[in-house]
């Protein structure tokens, strides 16, 4: 007959009990030592010095003076001082077309809100055609200006942002109007 193995021990293993007793004993020793320690000498309080004590209360401390709002605002075009972009006939015509297209797109949105689908389609189609024309006429011109001004110049970046807005508006029109 085979002998059964002894049952596993129940309860807490003795090594854990020993560790717990040592920790409690250490805590008690630390507590007793802290009670027996003589009180520390108290240092006299440090005087606080007010750096503004000598100033009259109604005057601010001396400084640079002036406010950034005192200076007149600088007027600048979105293209800086380069007349090559602002006054270029291609750019002027394209921005006028885009401005008119934005107006027509707003009118198409108002017509849609009013339920006038015929006006929405007519105005939306006209706005789409104007945006397409503005984007198309500035496609090659943008690359020429990039080579002329430098592709990292702020003026070239401004051209890119404007054309990007036009293209996004064109995509939105195609989605909402359905052309």
Protein backbone atom coordinates (compact mmCIF):
# COMPACT_ATOMS: atom_id res chain seq x y z
CA UNK A 1 0.00 0.00 0.00
CA UNK A 2 1.34 3.39 -0.96
CA UNK A 3 1.86 5.91 1.65
CA UNK A 4 0.15 9.27 1.28
CA UNK A 5 2.27 12.40 1.13
CA UNK A 6 1.92 14.67 4.15
CA UNK A 7 -0.57 17.52 3.78
CA UNK A 8 0.90 20.92 2.86
CA UNK A 9 1.62 23.12 5.85
CA UNK A 10 -1.08 25.64 6.63
CA UNK A 11 -0.53 29.10 8.04
CA UNK A 12 2.30 31.55 7.65
CA UNK A 13 5.79 30.20 6.94
CA UNK A 14 8.19 30.71 9.89
CA UNK A 15 10.66 32.83 7.90
CA UNK A 16 7.93 35.47 7.24
CA UNK A 17 7.03 35.49 10.92
CA UNK A 18 10.68 36.09 11.84
CA UNK A 19 10.96 38.99 9.36
CA UNK A 20 7.77 40.56 10.73
CA UNK A 21 9.01 40.31 14.33
CA UNK A 22 12.32 41.97 13.34
CA UNK A 23 10.51 44.84 11.61
CA UNK A 24 8.27 45.48 14.61
CA UNK A 25 11.28 45.36 16.95
CA UNK A 26 13.16 47.86 14.74
CA UNK A 27 10.19 50.24 14.72
CA UNK A 28 9.95 50.07 18.52
CA UNK A 29 13.69 50.79 18.91
CA UNK A 30 13.47 53.79 16.53
CA UNK A 31 10.50 55.17 18.46
CA UNK A 32 12.26 54.82 21.83
CA UNK A 33 15.44 56.47 20.53
CA UNK A 34 13.46 59.41 19.12
CA UNK A 35 11.76 59.96 22.49
CA UNK A 36 15.06 59.86 24.38
CA UNK A 37 16.77 62.32 22.00
CA UNK A 38 17.37 65.75 23.62
CA UNK A 39 15.37 68.62 22.08
CA UNK A 40 17.19 70.57 19.38
CA UNK A 41 18.17 74.15 20.04
CA UNK A 42 15.82 76.61 18.45
CA UNK A 43 17.42 79.13 16.16
CA UNK A 44 16.34 82.75 16.34
CA UNK A 45 13.86 83.71 13.63
CA UNK A 46 15.38 85.27 10.50
CA UNK A 47 14.35 88.83 9.85
CA UNK A 48 12.54 89.34 6.58
CA UNK A 49 13.76 92.31 4.59
CA UNK A 50 11.29 94.21 2.41
CA UNK A 51 13.18 95.42 -0.68
CA UNK A 52 10.49 98.00 -1.41
CA UNK A 53 10.37 99.49 2.08
CA UNK A 54 12.07 102.74 1.04
CA UNK A 55 9.79 103.42 -1.94
CA UNK A 56 6.67 105.52 -1.65
CA UNK A 57 3.57 103.34 -1.98
CA UNK A 58 2.20 105.06 -5.10
CA UNK A 59 5.30 104.65 -7.32
CA UNK A 60 6.31 101.42 -9.03
CA UNK A 61 9.90 100.27 -8.71
CA UNK A 62 12.25 101.73 -11.31
CA UNK A 63 12.50 99.73 -14.52
CA UNK A 64 12.82 100.07 -18.25
CA UNK A 65 9.55 101.88 -18.50
CA UNK A 66 7.14 102.00 -21.36
CA UNK A 67 4.65 99.50 -22.53
CA UNK A 68 4.70 97.55 -25.76
CA UNK A 69 1.28 99.06 -26.39
CA UNK A 70 2.73 102.59 -26.37
CA UNK A 71 4.46 101.97 -29.68
CA UNK A 72 2.44 102.57 -32.86
CA UNK A 73 1.27 99.45 -34.60
CA UNK A 74 3.29 98.46 -37.63
CA UNK A 75 1.22 98.23 -40.77
CA UNK A 76 2.29 95.47 -43.08
CA UNK A 77 0.87 93.59 -45.96
CA UNK A 78 0.56 89.82 -45.75
CA UNK A 79 3.41 89.74 -48.26
CA UNK A 80 5.71 92.12 -46.42
CA UNK A 81 7.22 94.84 -48.55
CA UNK A 82 7.67 92.85 -51.72
CA UNK A 83 5.59 94.45 -54.42
CA UNK A 84 6.45 91.59 -56.75
CA UNK A 85 3.68 89.45 -55.25
CA UNK A 86 1.10 91.99 -54.13
CA UNK A 87 0.96 93.86 -57.40
CA UNK A 88 1.44 90.95 -59.78
CA UNK A 89 -1.52 91.00 -62.21
CA UNK A 90 -1.94 87.22 -62.04
CA UNK A 91 -2.17 87.28 -58.25
CA UNK A 92 -4.47 90.32 -58.19
CA UNK A 93 -6.88 88.70 -60.64
CA UNK A 94 -6.78 85.34 -58.83
CA UNK A 95 -7.51 86.90 -55.43
CA UNK A 96 -10.40 88.91 -56.91
CA UNK A 97 -11.82 85.72 -58.43
CA UNK A 98 -11.42 83.88 -55.12
CA UNK A 99 -13.07 86.72 -53.16
CA UNK A 100 -16.04 86.65 -55.54
CA UNK A 101 -16.14 82.85 -55.25
CA UNK A 102 -16.26 83.08 -51.44
CA UNK A 103 -19.20 85.49 -51.70
CA UNK A 104 -21.02 83.13 -54.07
CA UNK A 105 -20.31 80.15 -51.80
CA UNK A 106 -21.83 82.06 -48.86
CA UNK A 107 -24.87 82.90 -50.97
CA UNK A 108 -25.18 79.23 -51.95
CA UNK A 109 -25.07 78.27 -48.28
CA UNK A 110 -27.80 80.79 -47.46
CA UNK A 111 -29.90 79.50 -50.38
CA UNK A 112 -29.49 75.96 -49.07
CA UNK A 113 -30.61 77.08 -45.61
CA UNK A 114 -33.66 78.75 -47.17
CA UNK A 115 -34.48 75.61 -49.16
CA UNK A 116 -33.89 77.19 -52.58
CA UNK A 117 -32.06 74.33 -54.29
CA UNK A 118 -32.00 75.94 -57.74
CA UNK A 119 -30.20 79.05 -56.43
CA UNK A 120 -27.88 76.84 -54.38
CA UNK A 121 -26.84 74.89 -57.47
CA UNK A 122 -26.42 78.00 -59.63
CA UNK A 123 -24.38 79.96 -57.09
CA UNK A 124 -22.41 76.88 -56.04
CA UNK A 125 -21.54 76.05 -59.64
CA UNK A 126 -20.40 79.60 -60.32
CA UNK A 127 -18.32 79.66 -57.11
CA UNK A 128 -16.74 76.32 -58.03
CA UNK A 129 -15.81 77.60 -61.49
CA UNK A 130 -14.25 80.77 -60.04
CA UNK A 131 -12.20 78.78 -57.50
CA UNK A 132 -11.05 76.41 -60.25
CA UNK A 133 -10.03 79.33 -62.43
CA UNK A 134 -8.12 81.02 -59.55
CA UNK A 135 -6.32 77.79 -58.68
CA UNK A 136 -5.53 76.95 -62.28
CA UNK A 137 -4.21 80.40 -63.21
CA UNK A 138 -1.85 80.44 -60.19
CA UNK A 139 -0.53 76.87 -60.53
CA UNK A 140 2.50 77.61 -62.69
CA UNK A 141 2.79 81.15 -61.35
CA UNK A 142 3.23 79.73 -57.82
CA UNK A 143 6.19 77.62 -58.94
CA UNK A 144 7.77 80.59 -60.72
CA UNK A 145 7.44 82.73 -57.58
CA UNK A 146 8.90 79.90 -55.53
CA UNK A 147 11.99 79.85 -57.71
CA UNK A 148 12.18 83.64 -57.72
CA UNK A 149 11.58 84.30 -54.00
CA UNK A 150 12.82 81.02 -52.59
CA UNK A 151 10.60 78.13 -51.54
CA UNK A 152 11.21 78.90 -47.85
CA UNK A 153 10.38 82.61 -48.04
CA UNK A 154 7.38 83.92 -46.06
CA UNK A 155 5.88 85.40 -49.22
CA UNK A 156 5.93 82.05 -50.99
CA UNK A 157 4.41 80.38 -47.90
CA UNK A 158 1.62 82.99 -47.98
CA UNK A 159 0.89 82.11 -51.60
CA UNK A 160 0.76 78.42 -50.71
CA UNK A 161 -1.62 79.04 -47.78
CA UNK A 162 -3.98 81.13 -49.93
CA UNK A 163 -4.07 78.55 -52.73
CA UNK A 164 -4.53 75.76 -50.18
CA UNK A 165 -7.60 77.56 -48.76
CA UNK A 166 -9.02 77.90 -52.26
CA UNK A 167 -8.49 74.21 -52.99
CA UNK A 168 -10.10 73.20 -49.68
CA UNK A 169 -13.07 75.41 -50.44
CA UNK A 170 -13.29 73.87 -53.90
CA UNK A 171 -13.35 70.36 -52.41
CA UNK A 172 -16.01 71.41 -49.90
CA UNK A 173 -18.13 72.84 -52.71
CA UNK A 174 -17.80 69.65 -54.71
CA UNK A 175 -18.94 67.63 -51.69
CA UNK A 176 -21.85 69.86 -50.65
CA UNK A 177 -23.12 71.08 -54.02
CA UNK A 178 -22.42 67.84 -55.84
CA UNK A 179 -20.49 68.98 -58.90
